[in-house]
Amino acid sequence: MGEQGERTAAQFLVEKGFRILQRNYRCRTGEIDLVAEDRGTLVFVEVKTRVEDSEMLPEAALTHTKKKRICRAAREFMKVNRLVDRLYRVDLVGIEYRDNGTCRIHHWQNVVSFRRALARWR
């Protein structure tokens, strides 16, 4: 279901005007579901997917530990790709698939205080 959720999230973001740069970026410090660009800003996107009957909303699954890993991986991505001078943020896309074949998609922008997180988690 995670792969399907990532495809749905990517399509949703493209329809909002984002450009997908990479999917499933992995490095030694973590992984990022989607790396995108939104009007010149790098966006590191975490996708959380659930089915409608799940006890927890998808967005509730973004833990402190996961935020830390995303920030470390984002920092690595920017360093490797020589993008350290770019504006950036971390977004969350929560997807809840319903029994009738539809889904609820919610997009939160800037879910991590990135600079503070990087300084604190080094």
N, C-alpha and C. Protein backbone atom coordinates (compact mmCIF):
# COMPACT_ATOMS: atom_id res chain seq x y z
N MET A 1 0.82 -1.20 0.00
CA MET A 1 0.00 0.00 0.00
C MET A 1 0.86 1.26 0.00
N GLY A 2 2.06 1.18 0.59
CA GLY A 2 2.93 2.35 0.63
C GLY A 2 3.33 2.84 -0.74
N GLU A 3 3.63 1.90 -1.64
CA GLU A 3 4.01 2.27 -3.00
C GLU A 3 2.85 2.94 -3.74
N GLN A 4 1.66 2.41 -3.56
CA GLN A 4 0.48 3.00 -4.17
C GLN A 4 0.25 4.41 -3.62
N GLY A 5 0.43 4.56 -2.31
CA GLY A 5 0.28 5.87 -1.69
C GLY A 5 1.27 6.89 -2.23
N GLU A 6 2.49 6.44 -2.44
CA GLU A 6 3.51 7.35 -2.99
C GLU A 6 3.18 7.77 -4.41
N ARG A 7 2.64 6.84 -5.21
CA ARG A 7 2.22 7.20 -6.57
C ARG A 7 1.07 8.21 -6.52
N THR A 8 0.11 7.95 -5.63
CA THR A 8 -1.03 8.87 -5.48
C THR A 8 -0.56 10.24 -5.03
N ALA A 9 0.35 10.27 -4.07
CA ALA A 9 0.87 11.54 -3.56
C ALA A 9 1.63 12.30 -4.64
N ALA A 10 2.44 11.58 -5.41
CA ALA A 10 3.20 12.22 -6.49
C ALA A 10 2.25 12.85 -7.51
N GLN A 11 1.23 12.11 -7.90
CA GLN A 11 0.25 12.62 -8.86
C GLN A 11 -0.46 13.85 -8.29
N PHE A 12 -0.85 13.78 -7.03
CA PHE A 12 -1.52 14.90 -6.35
C PHE A 12 -0.63 16.15 -6.37
N LEU A 13 0.65 15.98 -6.04
CA LEU A 13 1.57 17.11 -6.00
C LEU A 13 1.83 17.68 -7.39
N VAL A 14 1.96 16.83 -8.39
CA VAL A 14 2.14 17.29 -9.77
C VAL A 14 0.94 18.13 -10.20
N GLU A 15 -0.25 17.69 -9.84
CA GLU A 15 -1.47 18.44 -10.17
C GLU A 15 -1.50 19.80 -9.47
N LYS A 16 -0.80 19.92 -8.33
CA LYS A 16 -0.71 21.20 -7.62
C LYS A 16 0.43 22.07 -8.14
N GLY A 17 1.18 21.58 -9.15
CA GLY A 17 2.24 22.36 -9.75
C GLY A 17 3.64 22.00 -9.31
N PHE A 18 3.78 20.96 -8.49
CA PHE A 18 5.11 20.52 -8.06
C PHE A 18 5.78 19.75 -9.19
N ARG A 19 7.10 19.70 -9.14
CA ARG A 19 7.86 18.87 -10.07
C ARG A 19 8.56 17.81 -9.22
N ILE A 20 8.32 16.54 -9.51
CA ILE A 20 8.94 15.45 -8.77
C ILE A 20 10.37 15.27 -9.29
N LEU A 21 11.34 15.37 -8.39
CA LEU A 21 12.74 15.23 -8.75
C LEU A 21 13.24 13.80 -8.52
N GLN A 22 12.76 13.17 -7.46
CA GLN A 22 13.20 11.81 -7.16
C GLN A 22 12.19 11.13 -6.24
N ARG A 23 12.08 9.82 -6.42
CA ARG A 23 11.23 9.00 -5.55
C ARG A 23 12.11 8.04 -4.77
N ASN A 24 11.73 7.79 -3.54
CA ASN A 24 12.43 6.83 -2.68
C ASN A 24 13.93 7.07 -2.61
N TYR A 25 14.30 8.27 -2.23
CA TYR A 25 15.72 8.58 -2.04
C TYR A 25 16.19 7.88 -0.76
N ARG A 26 17.26 7.09 -0.90
CA ARG A 26 17.81 6.38 0.25
C ARG A 26 19.29 6.71 0.39
N CYS A 27 19.71 6.87 1.64
CA CYS A 27 21.12 7.08 1.94
C CYS A 27 21.39 6.44 3.30
N ARG A 28 22.59 6.55 3.76
CA ARG A 28 22.95 5.88 5.02
C ARG A 28 22.21 6.45 6.23
N THR A 29 21.73 7.67 6.13
CA THR A 29 21.07 8.32 7.27
C THR A 29 19.55 8.20 7.28
N GLY A 30 18.96 7.71 6.19
CA GLY A 30 17.50 7.60 6.16
C GLY A 30 16.97 7.54 4.75
N GLU A 31 15.69 7.81 4.62
CA GLU A 31 15.06 7.81 3.30
C GLU A 31 14.01 8.89 3.22
N ILE A 32 13.76 9.31 2.00
CA ILE A 32 12.73 10.31 1.73
C ILE A 32 11.83 9.74 0.64
N ASP A 33 10.52 9.77 0.88
CA ASP A 33 9.58 9.19 -0.07
C ASP A 33 9.61 9.92 -1.41
N LEU A 34 9.50 11.25 -1.37
CA LEU A 34 9.51 12.05 -2.59
C LEU A 34 10.35 13.29 -2.38
N VAL A 35 11.15 13.61 -3.36
CA VAL A 35 11.85 14.90 -3.39
C VAL A 35 11.24 15.67 -4.54
N ALA A 36 10.75 16.87 -4.24
CA ALA A 36 10.05 17.64 -5.26
C ALA A 36 10.55 19.08 -5.25
N GLU A 37 10.05 19.84 -6.20
CA GLU A 37 10.34 21.26 -6.27
C GLU A 37 9.01 21.99 -6.40
N ASP A 38 8.84 23.01 -5.58
CA ASP A 38 7.63 23.82 -5.59
C ASP A 38 8.04 25.28 -5.73
N ARG A 39 7.92 25.82 -6.91
CA ARG A 39 8.27 27.21 -7.20
C ARG A 39 9.65 27.58 -6.68
N GLY A 40 10.64 26.73 -6.99
CA GLY A 40 12.01 27.00 -6.62
C GLY A 40 12.44 26.49 -5.26
N THR A 41 11.52 26.00 -4.47
CA THR A 41 11.84 25.47 -3.15
C THR A 41 11.93 23.95 -3.22
N LEU A 42 13.00 23.39 -2.66
CA LEU A 42 13.10 21.93 -2.55
C LEU A 42 12.12 21.46 -1.48
N VAL A 43 11.40 20.41 -1.78
CA VAL A 43 10.42 19.89 -0.83
C VAL A 43 10.69 18.41 -0.63
N PHE A 44 10.96 18.05 0.62
CA PHE A 44 11.17 16.66 1.01
C PHE A 44 9.85 16.17 1.58
N VAL A 45 9.24 15.18 0.92
CA VAL A 45 7.87 14.78 1.24
C VAL A 45 7.83 13.41 1.88
N GLU A 46 7.21 13.34 3.03
CA GLU A 46 6.93 12.07 3.69
C GLU A 46 5.48 11.72 3.37
N VAL A 47 5.27 10.49 2.92
CA VAL A 47 3.92 10.04 2.57
C VAL A 47 3.50 8.99 3.59
N LYS A 48 2.35 9.19 4.19
CA LYS A 48 1.78 8.23 5.14
C LYS A 48 0.44 7.77 4.59
N THR A 49 0.27 6.45 4.51
CA THR A 49 -0.91 5.87 3.88
C THR A 49 -1.60 4.91 4.84
N ARG A 50 -2.93 4.95 4.87
CA ARG A 50 -3.72 4.04 5.69
C ARG A 50 -5.01 3.69 4.93
N VAL A 51 -5.69 2.67 5.43
CA VAL A 51 -7.03 2.36 4.94
C VAL A 51 -8.02 3.01 5.89
N GLU A 52 -9.22 3.21 5.42
CA GLU A 52 -10.23 3.97 6.15
C GLU A 52 -10.50 3.43 7.55
N ASP A 53 -10.48 2.14 7.74
CA ASP A 53 -10.82 1.56 9.04
C ASP A 53 -9.66 1.54 10.03
N SER A 54 -8.54 2.07 9.66
CA SER A 54 -7.37 2.08 10.53
C SER A 54 -7.67 2.89 11.79
N GLU A 55 -7.07 2.49 12.89
CA GLU A 55 -7.30 3.19 14.16
C GLU A 55 -6.63 4.56 14.19
N MET A 56 -5.63 4.77 13.36
CA MET A 56 -4.85 6.00 13.38
C MET A 56 -4.91 6.68 12.02
N LEU A 57 -5.06 7.99 12.02
CA LEU A 57 -4.97 8.74 10.78
C LEU A 57 -3.54 8.64 10.26
N PRO A 58 -3.35 8.65 8.96
CA PRO A 58 -2.01 8.48 8.42
C PRO A 58 -1.02 9.53 8.91
N GLU A 59 -1.48 10.75 9.02
CA GLU A 59 -0.58 11.83 9.42
C GLU A 59 -0.11 11.72 10.87
N ALA A 60 -0.84 10.97 11.68
CA ALA A 60 -0.44 10.77 13.08
C ALA A 60 0.78 9.87 13.21
N ALA A 61 1.17 9.21 12.14
CA ALA A 61 2.30 8.27 12.17
C ALA A 61 3.65 8.96 11.95
N LEU A 62 3.67 10.26 11.79
CA LEU A 62 4.94 10.97 11.62
C LEU A 62 5.52 11.24 13.01
N THR A 63 6.41 10.37 13.42
CA THR A 63 6.98 10.43 14.76
C THR A 63 8.20 11.36 14.81
N HIS A 64 8.60 11.66 16.01
CA HIS A 64 9.80 12.47 16.24
C HIS A 64 11.02 11.81 15.60
N THR A 65 11.14 10.50 15.77
CA THR A 65 12.25 9.75 15.19
C THR A 65 12.24 9.82 13.67
N LYS A 66 11.06 9.69 13.06
CA LYS A 66 10.94 9.75 11.61
C LYS A 66 11.32 11.15 11.10
N LYS A 67 10.89 12.18 11.80
CA LYS A 67 11.26 13.54 11.42
C LYS A 67 12.77 13.71 11.42
N LYS A 68 13.41 13.16 12.43
CA LYS A 68 14.86 13.24 12.56
C LYS A 68 15.54 12.57 11.37
N ARG A 69 15.06 11.38 11.00
CA ARG A 69 15.64 10.66 9.86
C ARG A 69 15.43 11.41 8.55
N ILE A 70 14.26 11.98 8.38
CA ILE A 70 13.98 12.75 7.16
C ILE A 70 14.93 13.93 7.06
N CYS A 71 15.13 14.64 8.15
CA CYS A 71 16.02 15.80 8.14
C CYS A 71 17.45 15.40 7.81
N ARG A 72 17.90 14.31 8.37
CA ARG A 72 19.27 13.85 8.08
C ARG A 72 19.40 13.44 6.61
N ALA A 73 18.41 12.73 6.10
CA ALA A 73 18.45 12.31 4.70
C ALA A 73 18.36 13.53 3.77
N ALA A 74 17.54 14.50 4.13
CA ALA A 74 17.41 15.72 3.32
C ALA A 74 18.74 16.47 3.28
N ARG A 75 19.38 16.54 4.41
CA ARG A 75 20.69 17.20 4.47
C ARG A 75 21.69 16.48 3.56
N GLU A 76 21.67 15.16 3.61
CA GLU A 76 22.57 14.36 2.76
C GLU A 76 22.25 14.58 1.28
N PHE A 77 20.96 14.58 0.93
CA PHE A 77 20.54 14.81 -0.45
C PHE A 77 21.06 16.16 -0.94
N MET A 78 20.90 17.19 -0.13
CA MET A 78 21.33 18.53 -0.53
C MET A 78 22.85 18.59 -0.69
N LYS A 79 23.56 17.92 0.19
CA LYS A 79 25.02 17.92 0.12
C LYS A 79 25.50 17.18 -1.13
N VAL A 80 24.99 15.98 -1.36
CA VAL A 80 25.42 15.16 -2.50
C VAL A 80 25.09 15.84 -3.82
N ASN A 81 23.96 16.51 -3.88
CA ASN A 81 23.52 17.14 -5.12
C ASN A 81 23.92 18.62 -5.22
N ARG A 82 24.74 19.05 -4.31
CA ARG A 82 25.24 20.44 -4.28
C ARG A 82 24.10 21.46 -4.32
N LEU A 83 23.14 21.26 -3.43
CA LEU A 83 21.97 22.13 -3.36
C LEU A 83 21.86 22.81 -2.00
N VAL A 84 22.96 22.93 -1.28
CA VAL A 84 22.91 23.45 0.09
C VAL A 84 22.46 24.90 0.18
N ASP A 85 22.52 25.63 -0.91
CA ASP A 85 22.10 27.03 -0.89
C ASP A 85 20.63 27.23 -1.27
N ARG A 86 19.91 26.14 -1.51
CA ARG A 86 18.50 26.23 -1.94
C ARG A 86 17.56 26.38 -0.75
N LEU A 87 16.43 27.00 -0.98
CA LEU A 87 15.36 27.01 0.02
C LEU A 87 14.78 25.60 0.08
N TYR A 88 14.32 25.20 1.24
CA TYR A 88 13.83 23.83 1.42
C TYR A 88 12.79 23.77 2.53
N ARG A 89 12.02 22.69 2.51
CA ARG A 89 11.06 22.43 3.58
C ARG A 89 10.72 20.95 3.57
N VAL A 90 10.07 20.50 4.64
CA VAL A 90 9.59 19.12 4.74
C VAL A 90 8.07 19.17 4.78
N ASP A 91 7.42 18.45 3.86
CA ASP A 91 5.97 18.37 3.81
C ASP A 91 5.52 16.96 4.15
N LEU A 92 4.27 16.84 4.51
CA LEU A 92 3.65 15.54 4.78
C LEU A 92 2.39 15.42 3.94
N VAL A 93 2.26 14.28 3.26
CA VAL A 93 1.02 13.98 2.55
C VAL A 93 0.42 12.74 3.21
N GLY A 94 -0.77 12.90 3.77
CA GLY A 94 -1.49 11.79 4.38
C GLY A 94 -2.58 11.31 3.44
N ILE A 95 -2.62 10.01 3.20
CA ILE A 95 -3.60 9.43 2.28
C ILE A 95 -4.37 8.35 3.00
N GLU A 96 -5.69 8.45 2.93
CA GLU A 96 -6.56 7.46 3.55
C GLU A 96 -7.45 6.87 2.46
N TYR A 97 -7.21 5.60 2.13
CA TYR A 97 -8.01 4.92 1.11
C TYR A 97 -9.33 4.46 1.71
N ARG A 98 -10.41 4.69 0.99
CA ARG A 98 -11.75 4.33 1.45
C ARG A 98 -12.22 3.07 0.73
N ASP A 99 -13.20 2.40 1.32
CA ASP A 99 -13.75 1.17 0.77
C ASP A 99 -14.36 1.37 -0.61
N ASN A 100 -14.87 2.56 -0.90
CA ASN A 100 -15.55 2.80 -2.17
C ASN A 100 -14.57 3.13 -3.31
N GLY A 101 -13.27 2.99 -3.06
CA GLY A 101 -12.28 3.22 -4.11
C GLY A 101 -11.74 4.64 -4.17
N THR A 102 -12.28 5.54 -3.37
CA THR A 102 -11.78 6.91 -3.34
C THR A 102 -10.74 7.04 -2.22
N CYS A 103 -10.14 8.19 -2.14
CA CYS A 103 -9.21 8.42 -1.04
C CYS A 103 -9.29 9.87 -0.58
N ARG A 104 -8.90 10.07 0.65
CA ARG A 104 -8.80 11.41 1.23
C ARG A 104 -7.31 11.74 1.24
N ILE A 105 -6.95 12.90 0.69
CA ILE A 105 -5.56 13.33 0.66
C ILE A 105 -5.47 14.65 1.40
N HIS A 106 -4.54 14.71 2.33
CA HIS A 106 -4.31 15.95 3.04
C HIS A 106 -2.84 16.29 2.98
N HIS A 107 -2.53 17.53 2.66
CA HIS A 107 -1.15 17.97 2.46
C HIS A 107 -0.82 19.05 3.49
N TRP A 108 0.21 18.77 4.29
CA TRP A 108 0.70 19.75 5.25
C TRP A 108 2.07 20.22 4.79
N GLN A 109 2.25 21.51 4.76
CA GLN A 109 3.54 22.07 4.36
C GLN A 109 4.36 22.43 5.58
N ASN A 110 5.68 22.28 5.45
CA ASN A 110 6.63 22.74 6.47
C ASN A 110 6.33 22.14 7.84
N VAL A 111 6.31 20.81 7.92
CA VAL A 111 5.95 20.12 9.16
C VAL A 111 7.11 19.99 10.15
N VAL A 112 8.30 20.40 9.74
CA VAL A 112 9.48 20.31 10.61
C VAL A 112 10.19 21.65 10.60
N SER A 113 10.57 22.11 11.77
CA SER A 113 11.43 23.28 11.85
C SER A 113 12.82 22.80 11.47
N PHE A 114 13.12 22.83 10.20
CA PHE A 114 14.26 22.14 9.61
C PHE A 114 15.60 22.61 10.18
N ARG A 115 15.85 23.88 10.21
CA ARG A 115 17.16 24.37 10.68
C ARG A 115 17.38 23.98 12.14
N ARG A 116 16.38 24.15 12.97
CA ARG A 116 16.51 23.79 14.38
C ARG A 116 16.70 22.29 14.53
N ALA A 117 15.98 21.52 13.73
CA ALA A 117 16.07 20.06 13.80
C ALA A 117 17.47 19.60 13.44
N LEU A 118 18.05 20.16 12.39
CA LEU A 118 19.39 19.75 11.98
C LEU A 118 20.42 20.11 13.04
N ALA A 119 20.32 21.27 13.63
CA ALA A 119 21.29 21.68 14.65
C ALA A 119 21.18 20.78 15.88
N ARG A 120 19.97 20.43 16.25
CA ARG A 120 19.73 19.67 17.47
C ARG A 120 20.08 18.20 17.30
N TRP A 121 19.95 17.66 16.08
CA TRP A 121 20.08 16.20 15.90
C TRP A 121 21.41 15.79 15.30
N ARG A 122 22.38 16.63 15.29
CA ARG A 122 23.68 16.27 14.68
C ARG A 122 24.38 15.20 15.46
